Amino acid sequence: MAFHIRKDDLVEVIAGDHRGERGKVLRVNPKRGLVIVQGVNMVFRHVRPSRRNPQGGRLQKEAPMHISNVLPVDEKGAKGGRGARVRFEVERGDKGKVLAKHRVSVSGTRLSTLTRRKTES
């Protein structure tokens, strides 16, 4: 299944305790529907002393969150770039993510209306 989020995308959290925070996607787990966002949803992991970590103690790391709680950021949009809903469209054989509100591809190029005209005739 194609998800609206990929690794290295800039996303905004839209639900939960960390609502409004932004970060880069570090990992996506499609089977479980989880994403790990850099600097968001930080938790403490208590570790024993070991060879790798001889001191032991508390390590802070990112915890996964559900993929439905994040949206890709529209950097070129109004309001300083907010989370934007996306959909997938195929035009002239090229498939890509498109911002649903403005019908602009995520890469920033405006899509033509040729496909709409062909279907109306």
N, C-alpha and C. Protein backbone atom coordinates (compact mmCIF):
# COMPACT_ATOMS: atom_id res chain seq x y z
N MET A 1 0.84 -1.18 0.00
CA MET A 1 0.00 0.00 0.00
C MET A 1 0.89 1.24 0.00
N ALA A 2 0.54 2.21 -0.82
CA ALA A 2 1.31 3.45 -0.89
C ALA A 2 0.87 4.38 0.23
N PHE A 3 1.85 4.90 0.97
CA PHE A 3 1.55 5.83 2.04
C PHE A 3 1.87 7.24 1.60
N HIS A 4 1.28 8.21 2.28
CA HIS A 4 1.50 9.62 1.96
C HIS A 4 2.79 10.15 2.57
N ILE A 5 3.51 9.31 3.31
CA ILE A 5 4.74 9.71 3.98
C ILE A 5 5.87 8.78 3.54
N ARG A 6 7.04 9.35 3.31
CA ARG A 6 8.24 8.58 3.01
C ARG A 6 9.38 9.03 3.91
N LYS A 7 10.43 8.25 3.93
CA LYS A 7 11.61 8.61 4.70
C LYS A 7 12.17 9.93 4.19
N ASP A 8 12.67 10.75 5.10
CA ASP A 8 13.26 12.06 4.84
C ASP A 8 12.25 13.14 4.48
N ASP A 9 10.94 12.87 4.54
CA ASP A 9 9.93 13.91 4.35
C ASP A 9 9.84 14.78 5.59
N LEU A 10 9.50 16.05 5.41
CA LEU A 10 9.23 16.95 6.52
C LEU A 10 7.74 16.85 6.83
N VAL A 11 7.40 16.52 8.09
CA VAL A 11 6.01 16.30 8.45
C VAL A 11 5.63 17.13 9.66
N GLU A 12 4.31 17.31 9.84
CA GLU A 12 3.75 17.99 10.99
C GLU A 12 2.80 17.04 11.70
N VAL A 13 2.88 16.99 13.02
CA VAL A 13 2.01 16.13 13.81
C VAL A 13 0.67 16.84 13.96
N ILE A 14 -0.44 16.14 13.68
CA ILE A 14 -1.75 16.77 13.71
C ILE A 14 -2.63 16.27 14.84
N ALA A 15 -2.15 15.30 15.63
CA ALA A 15 -2.97 14.77 16.72
C ALA A 15 -2.07 14.31 17.85
N GLY A 16 -2.62 14.32 19.05
CA GLY A 16 -1.89 13.82 20.21
C GLY A 16 -1.19 14.90 21.00
N ASP A 17 -0.35 14.48 21.94
CA ASP A 17 0.36 15.40 22.82
C ASP A 17 1.34 16.30 22.08
N HIS A 18 1.84 15.86 20.95
CA HIS A 18 2.86 16.60 20.21
C HIS A 18 2.29 17.33 19.01
N ARG A 19 1.01 17.66 19.06
CA ARG A 19 0.34 18.33 17.96
C ARG A 19 1.03 19.66 17.64
N GLY A 20 1.26 19.90 16.34
CA GLY A 20 1.88 21.13 15.89
C GLY A 20 3.39 21.04 15.73
N GLU A 21 4.02 20.02 16.27
CA GLU A 21 5.47 19.88 16.14
C GLU A 21 5.82 19.34 14.76
N ARG A 22 7.02 19.69 14.32
CA ARG A 22 7.50 19.25 13.01
C ARG A 22 8.81 18.51 13.14
N GLY A 23 9.08 17.68 12.16
CA GLY A 23 10.35 16.97 12.15
C GLY A 23 10.50 16.17 10.87
N LYS A 24 11.69 15.60 10.71
CA LYS A 24 12.00 14.79 9.53
C LYS A 24 11.71 13.33 9.86
N VAL A 25 11.15 12.61 8.90
CA VAL A 25 10.83 11.19 9.10
C VAL A 25 12.13 10.39 9.03
N LEU A 26 12.39 9.64 10.11
CA LEU A 26 13.58 8.80 10.15
C LEU A 26 13.32 7.41 9.61
N ARG A 27 12.15 6.86 9.94
CA ARG A 27 11.80 5.51 9.50
C ARG A 27 10.30 5.38 9.33
N VAL A 28 9.89 4.51 8.39
CA VAL A 28 8.48 4.19 8.17
C VAL A 28 8.34 2.68 8.26
N ASN A 29 7.37 2.22 9.05
CA ASN A 29 7.08 0.79 9.16
C ASN A 29 5.71 0.56 8.54
N PRO A 30 5.65 0.20 7.24
CA PRO A 30 4.36 0.10 6.56
C PRO A 30 3.49 -1.05 7.06
N LYS A 31 4.08 -2.14 7.53
CA LYS A 31 3.26 -3.26 7.99
C LYS A 31 2.43 -2.89 9.21
N ARG A 32 3.03 -2.13 10.12
CA ARG A 32 2.32 -1.73 11.34
C ARG A 32 1.73 -0.34 11.23
N GLY A 33 2.05 0.40 10.16
CA GLY A 33 1.50 1.73 9.96
C GLY A 33 2.08 2.76 10.93
N LEU A 34 3.39 2.67 11.18
CA LEU A 34 4.04 3.56 12.14
C LEU A 34 5.13 4.38 11.47
N VAL A 35 5.40 5.57 12.02
CA VAL A 35 6.51 6.39 11.58
C VAL A 35 7.29 6.86 12.80
N ILE A 36 8.58 7.10 12.60
CA ILE A 36 9.42 7.67 13.64
C ILE A 36 9.88 9.03 13.13
N VAL A 37 9.56 10.09 13.88
CA VAL A 37 9.85 11.45 13.48
C VAL A 37 10.95 12.00 14.39
N GLN A 38 11.93 12.64 13.79
CA GLN A 38 13.09 13.15 14.52
C GLN A 38 12.67 14.24 15.51
N GLY A 39 13.01 14.04 16.79
CA GLY A 39 12.75 15.04 17.83
C GLY A 39 11.33 15.10 18.33
N VAL A 40 10.46 14.20 17.90
CA VAL A 40 9.05 14.20 18.32
C VAL A 40 8.75 12.88 19.02
N ASN A 41 7.92 12.93 20.06
CA ASN A 41 7.50 11.75 20.81
C ASN A 41 8.71 11.07 21.48
N MET A 42 9.49 11.89 22.17
CA MET A 42 10.69 11.40 22.85
C MET A 42 10.32 10.64 24.12
N VAL A 43 10.97 9.49 24.34
CA VAL A 43 10.74 8.67 25.53
C VAL A 43 12.10 8.29 26.12
N PHE A 44 12.10 7.89 27.39
CA PHE A 44 13.32 7.44 28.04
C PHE A 44 13.38 5.93 28.00
N ARG A 45 14.54 5.42 27.67
CA ARG A 45 14.79 3.98 27.68
C ARG A 45 15.81 3.72 28.78
N HIS A 46 15.42 2.94 29.79
CA HIS A 46 16.31 2.64 30.90
C HIS A 46 17.15 1.43 30.52
N VAL A 47 18.47 1.59 30.53
CA VAL A 47 19.36 0.52 30.08
C VAL A 47 20.31 0.12 31.20
N ARG A 48 20.62 -1.16 31.23
CA ARG A 48 21.60 -1.69 32.18
C ARG A 48 23.01 -1.38 31.69
N PRO A 49 23.98 -1.38 32.58
CA PRO A 49 25.36 -1.26 32.12
C PRO A 49 25.75 -2.46 31.26
N SER A 50 26.40 -2.19 30.14
CA SER A 50 26.82 -3.24 29.22
C SER A 50 28.12 -2.80 28.57
N ARG A 51 28.65 -3.63 27.70
CA ARG A 51 29.88 -3.24 27.01
C ARG A 51 29.63 -2.04 26.10
N ARG A 52 28.48 -2.04 25.47
CA ARG A 52 28.15 -0.93 24.58
C ARG A 52 27.93 0.36 25.36
N ASN A 53 27.27 0.24 26.51
CA ASN A 53 26.97 1.40 27.35
C ASN A 53 27.41 1.09 28.77
N PRO A 54 28.70 1.26 29.10
CA PRO A 54 29.21 0.83 30.40
C PRO A 54 28.62 1.59 31.58
N GLN A 55 28.14 2.81 31.35
CA GLN A 55 27.58 3.60 32.45
C GLN A 55 26.15 3.20 32.76
N GLY A 56 25.40 2.74 31.74
CA GLY A 56 23.98 2.47 31.94
C GLY A 56 23.22 3.78 32.02
N GLY A 57 22.02 3.75 32.58
CA GLY A 57 21.25 4.98 32.79
C GLY A 57 20.05 5.08 31.88
N ARG A 58 19.65 6.34 31.64
CA ARG A 58 18.46 6.61 30.83
C ARG A 58 18.88 7.21 29.49
N LEU A 59 18.47 6.59 28.40
CA LEU A 59 18.71 7.10 27.06
C LEU A 59 17.41 7.67 26.52
N GLN A 60 17.48 8.83 25.89
CA GLN A 60 16.28 9.43 25.31
C GLN A 60 16.27 9.13 23.82
N LYS A 61 15.12 8.63 23.32
CA LYS A 61 15.01 8.30 21.90
C LYS A 61 13.58 8.54 21.43
N GLU A 62 13.41 8.54 20.10
CA GLU A 62 12.10 8.76 19.51
C GLU A 62 11.29 7.47 19.54
N ALA A 63 10.02 7.59 19.88
CA ALA A 63 9.11 6.44 19.85
C ALA A 63 8.25 6.55 18.59
N PRO A 64 7.82 5.40 18.06
CA PRO A 64 6.98 5.46 16.85
C PRO A 64 5.59 6.00 17.15
N MET A 65 4.97 6.61 16.13
CA MET A 65 3.58 7.07 16.23
C MET A 65 2.84 6.61 14.97
N HIS A 66 1.52 6.59 15.05
CA HIS A 66 0.75 6.10 13.92
C HIS A 66 0.86 7.07 12.75
N ILE A 67 0.86 6.52 11.55
CA ILE A 67 1.08 7.32 10.35
C ILE A 67 -0.09 8.27 10.07
N SER A 68 -1.27 7.97 10.62
CA SER A 68 -2.41 8.85 10.41
C SER A 68 -2.31 10.13 11.23
N ASN A 69 -1.38 10.19 12.16
CA ASN A 69 -1.24 11.38 13.00
C ASN A 69 -0.26 12.41 12.44
N VAL A 70 0.26 12.18 11.23
CA VAL A 70 1.19 13.14 10.62
C VAL A 70 0.74 13.47 9.20
N LEU A 71 1.07 14.70 8.78
CA LEU A 71 0.80 15.14 7.41
C LEU A 71 2.08 15.75 6.83
N PRO A 72 2.32 15.56 5.53
CA PRO A 72 3.48 16.22 4.92
C PRO A 72 3.29 17.73 4.93
N VAL A 73 4.38 18.47 5.11
CA VAL A 73 4.32 19.93 5.19
C VAL A 73 4.38 20.52 3.80
N ASP A 74 3.45 21.46 3.53
CA ASP A 74 3.42 22.22 2.28
C ASP A 74 4.25 23.48 2.51
N GLU A 75 5.53 23.44 2.18
CA GLU A 75 6.43 24.56 2.46
C GLU A 75 6.13 25.77 1.60
N LYS A 76 5.59 25.57 0.41
CA LYS A 76 5.35 26.68 -0.50
C LYS A 76 3.98 27.32 -0.29
N GLY A 77 3.15 26.73 0.56
CA GLY A 77 1.80 27.23 0.75
C GLY A 77 1.74 28.44 1.64
N ALA A 78 0.53 28.97 1.79
CA ALA A 78 0.30 30.13 2.65
C ALA A 78 0.41 29.70 4.12
N LYS A 79 0.39 30.66 5.00
CA LYS A 79 0.45 30.44 6.44
C LYS A 79 1.75 29.79 6.88
N GLY A 80 2.83 30.05 6.17
CA GLY A 80 4.13 29.56 6.59
C GLY A 80 4.33 28.07 6.44
N GLY A 81 3.54 27.42 5.63
CA GLY A 81 3.70 25.99 5.42
C GLY A 81 3.07 25.18 6.53
N ARG A 82 1.95 24.58 6.25
CA ARG A 82 1.24 23.77 7.23
C ARG A 82 1.13 22.35 6.70
N GLY A 83 0.65 21.44 7.54
CA GLY A 83 0.41 20.08 7.08
C GLY A 83 -0.66 20.09 6.00
N ALA A 84 -0.46 19.35 4.92
CA ALA A 84 -1.39 19.37 3.79
C ALA A 84 -1.75 17.95 3.40
N ARG A 85 -3.00 17.74 3.08
CA ARG A 85 -3.43 16.44 2.60
C ARG A 85 -2.93 16.25 1.17
N VAL A 86 -2.56 15.01 0.84
CA VAL A 86 -2.05 14.71 -0.49
C VAL A 86 -2.82 13.54 -1.07
N ARG A 87 -2.76 13.43 -2.39
CA ARG A 87 -3.31 12.28 -3.08
C ARG A 87 -2.35 11.93 -4.20
N PHE A 88 -2.55 10.79 -4.80
CA PHE A 88 -1.67 10.34 -5.87
C PHE A 88 -2.41 10.50 -7.19
N GLU A 89 -1.76 11.11 -8.18
CA GLU A 89 -2.36 11.29 -9.50
C GLU A 89 -1.38 10.83 -10.57
N VAL A 90 -1.94 10.42 -11.70
CA VAL A 90 -1.13 10.03 -12.85
C VAL A 90 -1.45 10.99 -13.97
N GLU A 91 -0.42 11.65 -14.49
CA GLU A 91 -0.63 12.57 -15.60
C GLU A 91 0.47 12.34 -16.63
N ARG A 92 0.06 12.03 -17.84
CA ARG A 92 1.01 11.75 -18.92
C ARG A 92 1.99 10.66 -18.54
N GLY A 93 1.52 9.66 -17.85
CA GLY A 93 2.35 8.52 -17.49
C GLY A 93 3.21 8.71 -16.26
N ASP A 94 3.21 9.90 -15.66
CA ASP A 94 4.00 10.15 -14.46
C ASP A 94 3.09 10.12 -13.25
N LYS A 95 3.48 9.31 -12.26
CA LYS A 95 2.70 9.22 -11.04
C LYS A 95 3.43 10.01 -9.96
N GLY A 96 2.68 10.74 -9.15
CA GLY A 96 3.31 11.50 -8.08
C GLY A 96 2.32 11.98 -7.06
N LYS A 97 2.85 12.47 -5.93
CA LYS A 97 2.01 13.02 -4.88
C LYS A 97 1.58 14.43 -5.26
N VAL A 98 0.29 14.73 -5.02
CA VAL A 98 -0.27 16.02 -5.38
C VAL A 98 -0.98 16.58 -4.16
N LEU A 99 -0.76 17.87 -3.88
CA LEU A 99 -1.49 18.51 -2.79
C LEU A 99 -2.96 18.59 -3.17
N ALA A 100 -3.82 18.08 -2.34
CA ALA A 100 -5.23 17.96 -2.68
C ALA A 100 -5.90 19.32 -2.82
N LYS A 101 -5.50 20.29 -2.02
CA LYS A 101 -6.18 21.58 -2.01
C LYS A 101 -5.84 22.43 -3.23
N HIS A 102 -4.57 22.47 -3.62
CA HIS A 102 -4.14 23.38 -4.67
C HIS A 102 -3.87 22.69 -6.00
N ARG A 103 -3.93 21.36 -6.02
CA ARG A 103 -3.62 20.57 -7.21
C ARG A 103 -2.23 20.91 -7.73
N VAL A 104 -1.27 20.96 -6.81
CA VAL A 104 0.13 21.21 -7.13
C VAL A 104 0.91 20.00 -6.67
N SER A 105 1.84 19.54 -7.51
CA SER A 105 2.63 18.38 -7.12
C SER A 105 3.51 18.76 -5.93
N VAL A 106 3.88 17.77 -5.15
CA VAL A 106 4.67 18.02 -3.96
C VAL A 106 6.02 18.63 -4.32
N SER A 107 6.53 18.33 -5.50
CA SER A 107 7.79 18.92 -5.93
C SER A 107 7.64 20.39 -6.28
N GLY A 108 6.39 20.88 -6.45
CA GLY A 108 6.17 22.31 -6.64
C GLY A 108 5.65 22.71 -8.01
N THR A 109 5.62 21.82 -9.00
CA THR A 109 5.15 22.20 -10.33
C THR A 109 3.64 22.12 -10.38
N ARG A 110 3.02 23.09 -11.07
CA ARG A 110 1.56 23.14 -11.19
C ARG A 110 1.13 22.17 -12.28
N LEU A 111 0.10 21.38 -12.00
CA LEU A 111 -0.37 20.41 -12.99
C LEU A 111 -1.31 21.09 -13.97
N SER A 112 -1.27 20.64 -15.21
CA SER A 112 -2.14 21.23 -16.22
C SER A 112 -3.55 20.68 -16.06
N THR A 113 -4.48 21.31 -16.72
CA THR A 113 -5.87 20.87 -16.66
C THR A 113 -6.24 20.07 -17.91
N LEU A 114 -5.24 19.59 -18.65
CA LEU A 114 -5.51 18.82 -19.87
C LEU A 114 -6.29 17.56 -19.56
N THR A 115 -5.99 16.91 -18.47
CA THR A 115 -6.68 15.66 -18.16
C THR A 115 -8.15 15.91 -17.87
N ARG A 116 -8.49 17.03 -17.26
CA ARG A 116 -9.90 17.34 -16.98
C ARG A 116 -10.66 17.63 -18.28
N ARG A 117 -10.03 18.37 -19.19
CA ARG A 117 -10.70 18.72 -20.45
C ARG A 117 -11.01 17.48 -21.28
N LYS A 118 -10.12 16.51 -21.28
CA LYS A 118 -10.33 15.30 -22.07
C LYS A 118 -11.51 14.52 -21.54
N THR A 119 -11.70 14.47 -20.23
CA THR A 119 -12.79 13.70 -19.66
C THR A 119 -14.13 14.40 -19.85
N GLU A 120 -14.14 15.74 -19.93
CA GLU A 120 -15.40 16.47 -20.10
C GLU A 120 -15.97 16.32 -21.50
N SER A 121 -15.14 16.21 -22.53
CA SER A 121 -15.61 16.17 -23.92
C SER A 121 -16.28 14.88 -24.26
